[in-house]
């Protein structure tokens, strides 16, 4: 129970269904002082108190589990290392994979519990496959697609058939004080929301060059390549304007040379993606399906194939701003009209579209 409205209603529904439910709040900070009042995210002291009050209203036992060391090693350290390697990670995927449905699930099973119930907006069908929530605007199947078969078999998502508005209305009817509590949008371990500052404190200032992709010319400097991500336009502080006067975007980050390469928007287009860390639930690939390339991002038709631990997606139309480190999640429509998760993988590279390659070599 995070202290938000979704997990509170999920717990209440599981309790109403006759399950023996215990509420658990995760203490994820090694230094409890970082759980200060007003911190942004989903893991403050206020959240812990809200979760306890919700458990009292529902009438279930409540505990706080210290997962700080596991969280730091599996999520925070991974986050920093990925940025240092020039990639753009999604810590929510890693938290679901390594903490909520690994460390927490392992402890729960050892204590005699059957499953982990969460307030994620996603559905699990009778076939055991993960599906999008009926509320597509709040759907979280993308960040759950990293779960393997064993983890999904012990997961329960009671909110998948409800919209967020319905969940809030139900919370109010149940007398839960969190009914109108705003959703958290920030990275929970970056209390002030300053990702760049967080990374600089851990990685230090590492000055390097910003270069133009077409000319190879140095057109600016940076204090740390980790502060940039593919597709970024703002905050580049370029000293030399583009010949055509158009904006330039981050195209790639090369940690070995500490170089950030920028270029025109068109150069962001890719039509083939490779990825590793494959989790595949669907029918044997290759398969024609839709792929989502970032949380709440665009969905693109593609032909997907899997060979060992490598997934290759050939996009039917180019996509822009594809960043290594993000997840690619494959979906297909089922007979009931829902989107079923076929599998996921971590993006390692995007191949420049044929059109842009022709322009680049013209």
Protein backbone atom coordinates (compact mmCIF):
# COMPACT_ATOMS: atom_id res chain seq x y z
CA UNK A 1 0.00 0.00 0.00
CA UNK A 2 1.78 3.09 -1.27
CA UNK A 3 -0.47 5.56 0.50
CA UNK A 4 -2.38 6.43 -2.65
CA UNK A 5 -5.97 5.89 -3.70
CA UNK A 6 -5.29 3.01 -6.11
CA UNK A 7 -3.59 0.64 -3.68
CA UNK A 8 -6.14 1.47 -0.96
CA UNK A 9 -9.09 0.53 -3.18
CA UNK A 10 -7.25 -2.56 -4.47
CA UNK A 11 -6.77 -3.73 -0.87
CA UNK A 12 -10.42 -3.03 -0.05
CA UNK A 13 -11.64 -5.00 -3.07
CA UNK A 14 -9.42 -7.95 -2.23
CA UNK A 15 -10.73 -7.87 1.34
CA UNK A 16 -14.35 -7.72 0.13
CA UNK A 17 -13.67 -10.73 -2.12
CA UNK A 18 -13.02 -12.79 1.00
CA UNK A 19 -9.23 -12.93 0.89
CA UNK A 20 -7.08 -12.76 4.01
CA UNK A 21 -5.42 -9.43 3.21
CA UNK A 22 -2.48 -7.77 4.94
CA UNK A 23 -1.45 -4.24 4.00
CA UNK A 24 2.26 -3.62 3.46
CA UNK A 25 3.99 -0.28 2.93
CA UNK A 26 7.56 -0.35 1.60
CA UNK A 27 10.24 1.75 3.31
CA UNK A 28 12.65 2.35 0.46
CA UNK A 29 15.02 5.04 1.78
CA UNK A 30 18.24 4.09 3.56
CA UNK A 31 18.09 7.42 5.37
CA UNK A 32 14.60 7.94 6.86
CA UNK A 33 15.22 11.70 6.91
CA UNK A 34 14.73 11.70 3.14
CA UNK A 35 11.07 10.83 3.82
CA UNK A 36 10.32 14.42 4.68
CA UNK A 37 6.89 16.01 4.65
CA UNK A 38 6.06 17.46 1.26
CA UNK A 39 8.62 15.42 -0.68
CA UNK A 40 7.44 14.63 -4.17
CA UNK A 41 7.00 11.03 -5.21
CA UNK A 42 5.14 8.10 -3.65
CA UNK A 43 7.24 7.09 -0.64
CA UNK A 44 7.11 9.90 1.91
CA UNK A 45 6.30 9.69 5.62
CA UNK A 46 2.92 11.18 4.76
CA UNK A 47 2.30 8.29 2.38
CA UNK A 48 3.11 5.74 5.07
CA UNK A 49 0.62 7.38 7.42
CA UNK A 50 -2.03 7.55 4.69
CA UNK A 51 -1.54 3.85 3.97
CA UNK A 52 -1.90 2.96 7.66
CA UNK A 53 -5.10 5.00 7.99
CA UNK A 54 -6.54 3.31 4.88
CA UNK A 55 -5.74 -0.13 6.30
CA UNK A 56 -7.51 0.83 9.54
CA UNK A 57 -10.64 1.88 7.63
CA UNK A 58 -10.64 -1.34 5.60
CA UNK A 59 -10.01 -3.38 8.73
CA UNK A 60 -6.84 -5.24 7.76
CA UNK A 61 -3.45 -5.68 9.47
CA UNK A 62 -0.74 -3.27 8.35
CA UNK A 63 3.04 -3.48 8.36
CA UNK A 64 5.99 -1.49 7.05
CA UNK A 65 8.64 -3.60 5.34
CA UNK A 66 12.19 -2.25 5.07
CA UNK A 67 13.30 -2.84 1.48
CA UNK A 68 15.81 0.03 1.40
CA UNK A 69 18.93 -2.01 0.63
CA UNK A 70 17.28 -4.07 -2.11
CA UNK A 71 15.73 -0.95 -3.61
CA UNK A 72 18.99 0.97 -3.60
CA UNK A 73 20.94 -1.84 -5.23
CA UNK A 74 18.34 -2.95 -7.77
CA UNK A 75 16.72 0.36 -8.70
CA UNK A 76 18.76 3.41 -7.63
CA UNK A 77 22.20 2.01 -8.50
CA UNK A 78 20.82 0.64 -11.78
CA UNK A 79 19.31 4.05 -12.60
CA UNK A 80 22.63 5.83 -12.08
CA UNK A 81 24.64 3.18 -13.96
CA UNK A 82 22.29 3.29 -16.94
CA UNK A 83 22.58 7.06 -17.28
CA UNK A 84 26.36 6.81 -16.93
CA UNK A 85 26.31 4.34 -19.82
CA UNK A 86 24.40 6.75 -22.06
CA UNK A 87 21.03 5.06 -21.69
CA UNK A 88 17.67 6.33 -20.41
CA UNK A 89 16.21 3.90 -17.86
CA UNK A 90 12.67 3.64 -16.54
CA UNK A 91 13.02 2.98 -12.78
CA UNK A 92 9.36 1.96 -12.42
CA UNK A 93 9.97 -1.10 -14.60
CA UNK A 94 12.98 -2.12 -12.55
CA UNK A 95 11.08 -1.57 -9.29
CA UNK A 96 8.20 -3.79 -10.45
CA UNK A 97 10.60 -6.46 -11.67
CA UNK A 98 13.10 -6.49 -8.80
CA UNK A 99 11.19 -5.18 -5.77
CA UNK A 100 7.40 -5.47 -5.87
CA UNK A 101 7.27 -8.78 -7.73
CA UNK A 102 10.59 -10.26 -6.64
CA UNK A 103 11.82 -9.17 -3.19
CA UNK A 104 8.32 -8.46 -1.85
CA UNK A 105 6.80 -11.53 -3.49
CA UNK A 106 9.58 -13.79 -2.20
CA UNK A 107 9.05 -12.57 1.36
CA UNK A 108 5.27 -12.83 1.06
CA UNK A 109 5.44 -16.43 -0.18
CA UNK A 110 7.89 -17.32 2.60
CA UNK A 111 5.37 -15.96 5.11
CA UNK A 112 2.59 -18.08 3.66
CA UNK A 113 0.81 -15.59 1.41
CA UNK A 114 -0.38 -16.64 -2.04
CA UNK A 115 -0.02 -13.46 -4.08
CA UNK A 116 0.84 -9.77 -4.20
CA UNK A 117 -2.08 -7.41 -4.81
CA UNK A 118 -1.30 -3.96 -6.21
CA UNK A 119 -3.21 -0.91 -7.40
CA UNK A 120 -1.74 -0.98 -10.91
CA UNK A 121 -4.19 -0.21 -13.69
CA UNK A 122 -3.86 -3.40 -15.76
CA UNK A 123 -5.75 -6.65 -16.26
CA UNK A 124 -4.89 -10.32 -16.02
CA UNK A 125 -7.14 -12.49 -18.17
CA UNK A 126 -8.32 -16.01 -17.44
CA UNK A 127 -5.54 -17.13 -19.77
CA UNK A 128 -2.99 -15.54 -17.43
CA UNK A 129 -1.95 -12.92 -19.98
CA UNK A 130 -1.44 -9.28 -19.07
CA UNK A 131 -3.78 -6.78 -20.73
CA UNK A 132 -4.21 -3.03 -20.80
CA UNK A 133 -6.57 -1.42 -18.32
CA UNK A 134 -9.99 -0.34 -19.55
CA UNK A 135 -8.79 3.18 -18.66
CA UNK A 136 -6.16 3.57 -21.37
CA UNK A 137 -5.15 6.97 -20.02
CA UNK A 138 -4.08 5.35 -16.74
CA UNK A 139 -2.93 2.01 -18.16
CA UNK A 140 0.24 0.63 -16.52
CA UNK A 141 0.70 -2.59 -18.47
CA UNK A 142 3.81 -1.06 -20.06
CA UNK A 143 5.67 -0.93 -16.73
CA UNK A 144 4.42 -4.41 -15.78
CA UNK A 145 5.44 -6.08 -19.03
CA UNK A 146 8.84 -7.00 -17.51
CA UNK A 147 7.16 -9.55 -15.23
CA UNK A 148 7.81 -13.19 -16.05
CA UNK A 149 5.31 -16.03 -15.98
CA UNK A 150 6.01 -17.01 -12.37
CA UNK A 151 5.57 -13.42 -11.20
CA UNK A 152 2.33 -12.91 -13.11
CA UNK A 153 0.93 -16.15 -11.68
CA UNK A 154 1.17 -14.61 -8.19
CA UNK A 155 -0.02 -11.11 -9.12
CA UNK A 156 -3.50 -9.63 -8.63
CA UNK A 157 -4.63 -6.35 -10.21
CA UNK A 158 -8.16 -5.58 -8.96
CA UNK A 159 -8.46 -2.19 -10.70
CA UNK A 160 -8.02 -3.23 -14.33
CA UNK A 161 -11.73 -3.12 -15.13
CA UNK A 162 -12.25 0.35 -13.61
CA UNK A 163 -11.47 3.88 -14.65
CA UNK A 164 -9.55 6.18 -12.34
CA UNK A 165 -12.72 8.24 -11.81
CA UNK A 166 -14.56 5.12 -10.66
CA UNK A 167 -11.73 4.24 -8.27
CA UNK A 168 -11.81 7.70 -6.70
CA UNK A 169 -15.58 7.62 -6.36
CA UNK A 170 -15.40 4.21 -4.67
CA UNK A 171 -12.70 5.42 -2.28
CA UNK A 172 -14.94 8.32 -1.26
CA UNK A 173 -17.88 5.96 -0.69
CA UNK A 174 -15.68 3.78 1.50
CA UNK A 175 -14.61 6.78 3.59
CA UNK A 176 -10.96 6.56 2.54
CA UNK A 177 -9.20 9.87 3.14
CA UNK A 178 -7.00 9.34 0.05
CA UNK A 179 -9.97 9.57 -2.35
CA UNK A 180 -8.86 12.96 -3.67
CA UNK A 181 -5.12 12.56 -3.13
CA UNK A 182 -3.20 13.58 -6.29
CA UNK A 183 -1.34 10.92 -8.25
CA UNK A 184 2.44 10.84 -7.90
CA UNK A 185 4.34 11.60 -11.10
CA UNK A 186 7.93 11.93 -9.96
CA UNK A 187 10.73 9.43 -9.49
CA UNK A 188 10.15 8.42 -5.89
CA UNK A 189 13.83 8.49 -4.85
CA UNK A 190 14.43 11.99 -6.27
CA UNK A 191 12.49 13.99 -3.71
CA UNK A 192 12.95 17.41 -5.36
CA UNK A 193 12.30 16.19 -8.90
CA UNK A 194 15.74 17.38 -10.10
CA UNK A 195 17.02 14.32 -11.99
CA UNK A 196 20.00 16.19 -13.43
CA UNK A 197 21.12 17.39 -10.01
CA UNK A 198 20.64 13.91 -8.53
CA UNK A 199 22.89 12.38 -11.19
CA UNK A 200 25.51 15.11 -10.91
CA UNK A 201 25.81 14.57 -7.16
CA UNK A 202 26.53 10.89 -7.80
CA UNK A 203 28.52 11.00 -11.03
CA UNK A 204 30.24 14.37 -10.69
CA UNK A 205 30.81 17.00 -13.36
CA UNK A 206 32.34 15.46 -16.49
CA UNK A 207 32.72 18.19 -19.13
CA UNK A 208 32.58 17.12 -22.77
CA UNK A 209 31.69 18.21 -26.28
CA UNK A 210 28.41 18.63 -28.12
CA UNK A 211 28.92 17.94 -31.83
CA UNK A 212 26.83 18.29 -34.98
CA UNK A 213 25.94 14.97 -36.60
CA UNK A 214 26.25 16.26 -40.17
CA UNK A 215 29.52 18.22 -39.94
CA UNK A 216 31.26 16.69 -36.91
CA UNK A 217 31.82 20.26 -35.73
CA UNK A 218 32.00 21.05 -32.02
CA UNK A 219 29.09 23.41 -31.39
CA UNK A 220 28.88 23.41 -27.60
CA UNK A 221 29.96 21.82 -24.34
CA UNK A 222 28.24 19.99 -21.53
CA UNK A 223 29.06 19.26 -17.89
CA UNK A 224 27.83 15.66 -18.00
CA UNK A 225 26.43 13.57 -20.84
CA UNK A 226 24.13 11.87 -18.31
CA UNK A 227 22.03 15.07 -18.29
CA UNK A 228 20.83 14.38 -21.84
CA UNK A 229 18.50 11.91 -23.48
CA UNK A 230 17.71 11.05 -27.08
CA UNK A 231 15.11 13.41 -28.51
CA UNK A 232 15.90 16.25 -26.12
CA UNK A 233 15.65 19.74 -27.60
CA UNK A 234 15.72 22.17 -24.68
CA UNK A 235 18.71 23.06 -22.52
CA UNK A 236 21.37 22.22 -25.14
CA UNK A 237 23.10 25.63 -24.91
CA UNK A 238 24.49 25.43 -28.45
CA UNK A 239 26.94 28.14 -29.53
CA UNK A 240 26.63 27.65 -33.29
CA UNK A 241 23.21 27.91 -34.96
CA UNK A 242 22.19 25.32 -37.53
CA UNK A 243 22.73 26.44 -41.15
CA UNK A 244 19.01 26.14 -41.85
CA UNK A 245 18.07 27.86 -38.60
CA UNK A 246 16.03 24.89 -37.40
CA UNK A 247 16.22 23.40 -33.89
CA UNK A 248 18.59 20.53 -33.20
CA UNK A 249 17.89 17.51 -31.04
CA UNK A 250 19.99 15.01 -29.12
CA UNK A 251 20.58 12.04 -31.44
CA UNK A 252 23.00 9.97 -29.37
CA UNK A 253 25.18 9.90 -26.26
CA UNK A 254 28.62 8.28 -26.41
CA UNK A 255 30.05 7.71 -22.89
CA UNK A 256 33.43 6.46 -24.18
CA UNK A 257 34.21 9.86 -25.70
CA UNK A 258 31.82 11.77 -23.39
CA UNK A 259 30.17 13.22 -26.48
CA UNK A 260 26.60 14.34 -27.08
CA UNK A 261 25.65 14.34 -30.77
CA UNK A 262 22.85 16.59 -32.00
CA UNK A 263 21.15 17.02 -35.35
CA UNK A 264 17.88 17.75 -37.16
CA UNK A 265 14.56 16.31 -36.03
CA UNK A 266 14.41 14.07 -39.08
CA UNK A 267 17.55 12.24 -37.92
CA UNK A 268 15.65 10.92 -34.92
CA UNK A 269 13.62 8.62 -37.17
CA UNK A 270 14.27 4.90 -36.83
CA UNK A 271 12.52 2.00 -38.51
CA UNK A 272 14.26 -0.91 -36.79
CA UNK A 273 14.87 -1.50 -33.09
CA UNK A 274 16.97 -4.11 -31.34
CA UNK A 275 16.50 -5.00 -27.68
CA UNK A 276 17.65 -7.51 -25.06
CA UNK A 277 16.40 -8.83 -21.68
CA UNK A 278 13.49 -10.40 -23.53
CA UNK A 279 10.35 -11.56 -21.72
CA UNK A 280 7.99 -13.24 -24.20
CA UNK A 281 4.50 -14.58 -23.45
CA UNK A 282 2.89 -14.61 -26.85
CA UNK A 283 2.82 -17.02 -29.74
CA UNK A 284 6.20 -17.80 -31.28
CA UNK A 285 7.70 -14.83 -33.12
CA UNK A 286 7.90 -13.47 -35.77
CA UNK A 287 4.57 -11.77 -35.31
CA UNK A 288 2.89 -8.63 -36.61
CA UNK A 289 1.71 -6.52 -33.69
CA UNK A 290 1.80 -3.06 -32.13
CA UNK A 291 4.78 -1.87 -30.09
CA UNK A 292 4.95 0.84 -27.45
CA UNK A 293 8.35 2.47 -27.02
CA UNK A 294 7.98 4.48 -23.81
CA UNK A 295 5.50 4.86 -20.97
CA UNK A 296 2.38 6.59 -22.31
CA UNK A 297 4.15 6.87 -25.67
CA UNK A 298 3.00 6.26 -29.19
CA UNK A 299 2.00 2.83 -30.44
CA UNK A 300 3.52 1.75 -33.76
CA UNK A 301 2.68 -1.29 -35.93
CA UNK A 302 5.70 -3.57 -36.33
CA UNK A 303 6.98 -7.01 -37.26
CA UNK A 304 8.69 -8.51 -34.22
CA UNK A 305 11.07 -11.46 -34.12
CA UNK A 306 12.91 -13.03 -31.18
CA UNK A 307 16.18 -14.97 -31.37
CA UNK A 308 17.54 -16.04 -27.99
CA UNK A 309 17.76 -12.93 -25.82
CA UNK A 310 17.50 -10.50 -28.74
CA UNK A 311 14.29 -8.94 -29.97
CA UNK A 312 14.14 -7.16 -33.33
CA UNK A 313 11.24 -4.92 -34.29
CA UNK A 314 10.86 -3.66 -37.85
CA UNK A 315 8.55 -0.70 -37.63
CA UNK A 316 5.92 -0.23 -40.35
CA UNK A 317 6.32 3.53 -39.99
CA UNK A 318 9.33 5.37 -38.53
CA UNK A 319 9.36 6.44 -34.88
CA UNK A 320 11.32 9.31 -33.39
CA UNK A 321 13.18 9.73 -30.12
CA UNK A 322 13.79 6.04 -29.46
CA UNK A 323 16.14 5.87 -26.46
CA UNK A 324 18.32 2.94 -25.43
CA UNK A 325 17.41 1.79 -21.94
CA UNK A 326 13.67 2.22 -22.41
CA UNK A 327 11.37 -0.76 -22.84
CA UNK A 328 9.72 -1.91 -26.04
CA UNK A 329 6.44 -3.68 -25.28
CA UNK A 330 4.56 -5.71 -27.89
CA UNK A 331 0.75 -5.84 -27.90
CA UNK A 332 -1.93 -7.57 -29.95
CA UNK A 333 -5.69 -7.11 -30.00
CA UNK A 334 -7.69 -10.04 -28.68
CA UNK A 335 -11.19 -11.17 -29.58
CA UNK A 336 -12.73 -9.03 -26.83
CA UNK A 337 -11.03 -5.91 -28.17
CA UNK A 338 -8.40 -5.63 -25.44
CA UNK A 339 -4.67 -5.18 -25.86
CA UNK A 340 -2.72 -8.25 -24.73
CA UNK A 341 0.96 -7.98 -23.78
CA UNK A 342 2.96 -10.38 -25.91
CA UNK A 343 6.29 -9.49 -24.37
CA UNK A 344 8.86 -6.84 -23.60
CA UNK A 345 12.57 -6.13 -23.94
CA UNK A 346 15.05 -3.35 -23.17
CA UNK A 347 15.98 -1.22 -26.18
CA UNK A 348 19.67 -1.35 -27.10
CA UNK A 349 19.64 0.50 -30.43
CA UNK A 350 17.51 2.04 -33.14
CA UNK A 351 18.49 1.94 -36.80
CA UNK A 352 18.17 5.14 -38.81
CA UNK A 353 15.33 4.99 -41.30
CA UNK A 354 16.18 4.39 -44.95
CA UNK A 355 14.96 7.86 -45.91
CA UNK A 356 17.20 9.59 -43.41
CA UNK A 357 20.18 7.42 -44.35
CA UNK A 358 19.77 8.58 -47.94
CA UNK A 359 19.64 12.21 -46.85
CA UNK A 360 22.67 11.76 -44.60
CA UNK A 361 24.77 10.37 -47.44
CA UNK A 362 23.48 12.70 -50.13
